[in-house]
C-alpha atoms as a PDB file:
ATOM      1  CA  ASP A   1      13.879  -7.506  -0.685  1.00  0.00           C
ATOM      2  CA  THR A   2      10.631  -9.470  -0.862  1.00  0.00           C
ATOM      3  CA  LEU A   3       8.586  -6.600   0.541  1.00  0.00           C
ATOM      4  CA  HIS A   4      10.212  -4.140  -1.838  1.00  0.00           C
ATOM      5  CA  SER A   5       9.401  -6.489  -4.722  1.00  0.00           C
ATOM      6  CA  LEU A   6       5.768  -6.564  -3.606  1.00  0.00           C
ATOM      7  CA  ARG A   7       5.681  -2.760  -3.724  1.00  0.00           C
ATOM      8  CA  ASP A   8       7.120  -2.883  -7.240  1.00  0.00           C
ATOM      9  CA  LEU A   9       4.491  -5.430  -8.249  1.00  0.00           C
ATOM     10  CA  ALA A  10       1.752  -3.205  -6.844  1.00  0.00           C
ATOM     11  CA  ALA A  11       3.144  -0.253  -8.806  1.00  0.00           C
ATOM     12  CA  ILE A  12       3.087  -2.293 -12.010  1.00  0.00           C
ATOM     13  CA  ALA A  13      -0.498  -3.395 -11.385  1.00  0.00           C
ATOM     14  CA  ARG A  14      -1.464   0.218 -10.688  1.00  0.00           C
ATOM     15  CA  ALA A  15       0.221   1.394 -13.889  1.00  0.00           C
ATOM     16  CA  GLU A  16      -1.771  -1.243 -15.765  1.00  0.00           C
ATOM     17  CA  ASN A  17      -4.917   0.130 -14.081  1.00  0.00           C
ATOM     18  CA  ASP A  18      -5.485  -3.137 -12.199  1.00  0.00           C
ATOM     19  CA  LEU A  19      -6.311  -1.328  -8.979  1.00  0.00           C
ATOM     20  CA  VAL A  20      -7.881  -4.340  -7.270  1.00  0.00           C
ATOM     21  CA  ARG A  21      -4.695  -6.366  -7.679  1.00  0.00           C
ATOM     22  CA  ALA A  22      -2.530  -3.390  -6.756  1.00  0.00           C
ATOM     23  CA  GLU A  23      -4.488  -2.937  -3.542  1.00  0.00           C
ATOM     24  CA  ALA A  24      -4.209  -6.605  -2.583  1.00  0.00           C
ATOM     25  CA  VAL A  25      -0.462  -6.701  -3.184  1.00  0.00           C
ATOM     26  CA  LEU A  26       0.107  -3.391  -1.399  1.00  0.00           C
ATOM     27  CA  ARG A  27      -1.879  -4.629   1.613  1.00  0.00           C
ATOM     28  CA  GLU A  28       0.326  -7.714   1.713  1.00  0.00           C
ATOM     29  CA  ALA A  29       3.444  -5.549   1.598  1.00  0.00           C
ATOM     30  CA  LEU A  30       2.077  -3.278   4.329  1.00  0.00           C
ATOM     31  CA  SER A  31       1.387  -6.247   6.565  1.00  0.00           C
ATOM     32  CA  GLY A  32       4.959  -7.432   6.123  1.00  0.00           C
ATOM     33  CA  TYR A  33       6.426  -3.995   6.812  1.00  0.00           C
ATOM     34  CA  ARG A  34       4.303  -3.642   9.942  1.00  0.00           C
ATOM     35  CA  GLN A  35       5.529  -7.021  11.194  1.00  0.00           C
ATOM     36  CA  THR A  36       9.193  -6.434  10.434  1.00  0.00           C
ATOM     37  CA  LEU A  37       9.652  -2.691  10.903  1.00  0.00           C
ATOM     38  CA  GLY A  38       6.659  -1.533  12.943  1.00  0.00           C
ATOM     39  CA  ASP A  39       4.120   1.202  12.283  1.00  0.00           C
ATOM     40  CA  ASP A  40       6.476   4.096  13.051  1.00  0.00           C
ATOM     41  CA  HIS A  41       9.187   3.212  10.536  1.00  0.00           C
ATOM     42  CA  PRO A  42       9.474   5.660   7.602  1.00  0.00           C
ATOM     43  CA  THR A  43       9.117   2.903   5.011  1.00  0.00           C
ATOM     44  CA  THR A  44       5.954   1.602   6.657  1.00  0.00           C
ATOM     45  CA  SER A  45       4.594   5.153   6.674  1.00  0.00           C
ATOM     46  CA  THR A  46       5.381   5.484   2.979  1.00  0.00           C
ATOM     47  CA  VAL A  47       3.516   2.280   2.165  1.00  0.00           C
ATOM     48  CA  ILE A  48       0.564   3.459   4.258  1.00  0.00           C
ATOM     49  CA  GLY A  49       0.517   6.613   2.149  1.00  0.00           C
ATOM     50  CA  GLU A  50       0.713   4.608  -1.062  1.00  0.00           C
ATOM     51  CA  LEU A  51      -2.220   2.453   0.010  1.00  0.00           C
ATOM     52  CA  SER A  52      -4.214   5.485   1.096  1.00  0.00           C
ATOM     53  CA  GLY A  53      -3.618   7.122  -2.289  1.00  0.00           C
ATOM     54  CA  LEU A  54      -4.620   3.965  -4.105  1.00  0.00           C
ATOM     55  CA  LEU A  55      -7.828   3.706  -2.095  1.00  0.00           C
ATOM     56  CA  ARG A  56      -8.638   7.333  -2.909  1.00  0.00           C
ATOM     57  CA  GLU A  57      -8.006   6.576  -6.576  1.00  0.00           C
ATOM     58  CA  ARG A  58     -10.481   3.692  -6.321  1.00  0.00           C
ATOM     59  CA  GLY A  59     -13.030   5.995  -4.670  1.00  0.00           C
ATOM     60  CA  ALA A  60     -12.835   4.314  -1.251  1.00  0.00           C
ATOM     61  CA  LEU A  61     -12.522   7.637   0.567  1.00  0.00           C
ATOM     62  CA  LYS A  62     -13.694   6.481   4.006  1.00  0.00           C
ATOM     63  CA  GLU A  63     -11.301   3.561   3.971  1.00  0.00           C
ATOM     64  CA  ALA A  64      -8.464   5.804   2.785  1.00  0.00           C
ATOM     65  CA  ALA A  65      -9.169   8.274   5.578  1.00  0.00           C
ATOM     66  CA  ALA A  66      -8.626   5.484   8.104  1.00  0.00           C
ATOM     67  CA  PHE A  67      -4.953   5.438   7.059  1.00  0.00           C
ATOM     68  CA  ASP A  68      -4.478   9.178   7.520  1.00  0.00           C
ATOM     69  CA  ARG A  69      -2.360  10.081  10.494  1.00  0.00           C
END
């Protein structure tokens, strides 16, 4: 529930155009999902995609590409 709440918080920050905060919160959520579910879990993959999209939105294309599988 905590990790899902972090994703919601990141979505709110993104909707408010606070992309720096959204990125930080989404990274925290991703770290938690990786620890609890592993990299191959569908939810972890979804969060990786969300972070990659956010990074692209911020113009951090090289960093976003590092998350592409």
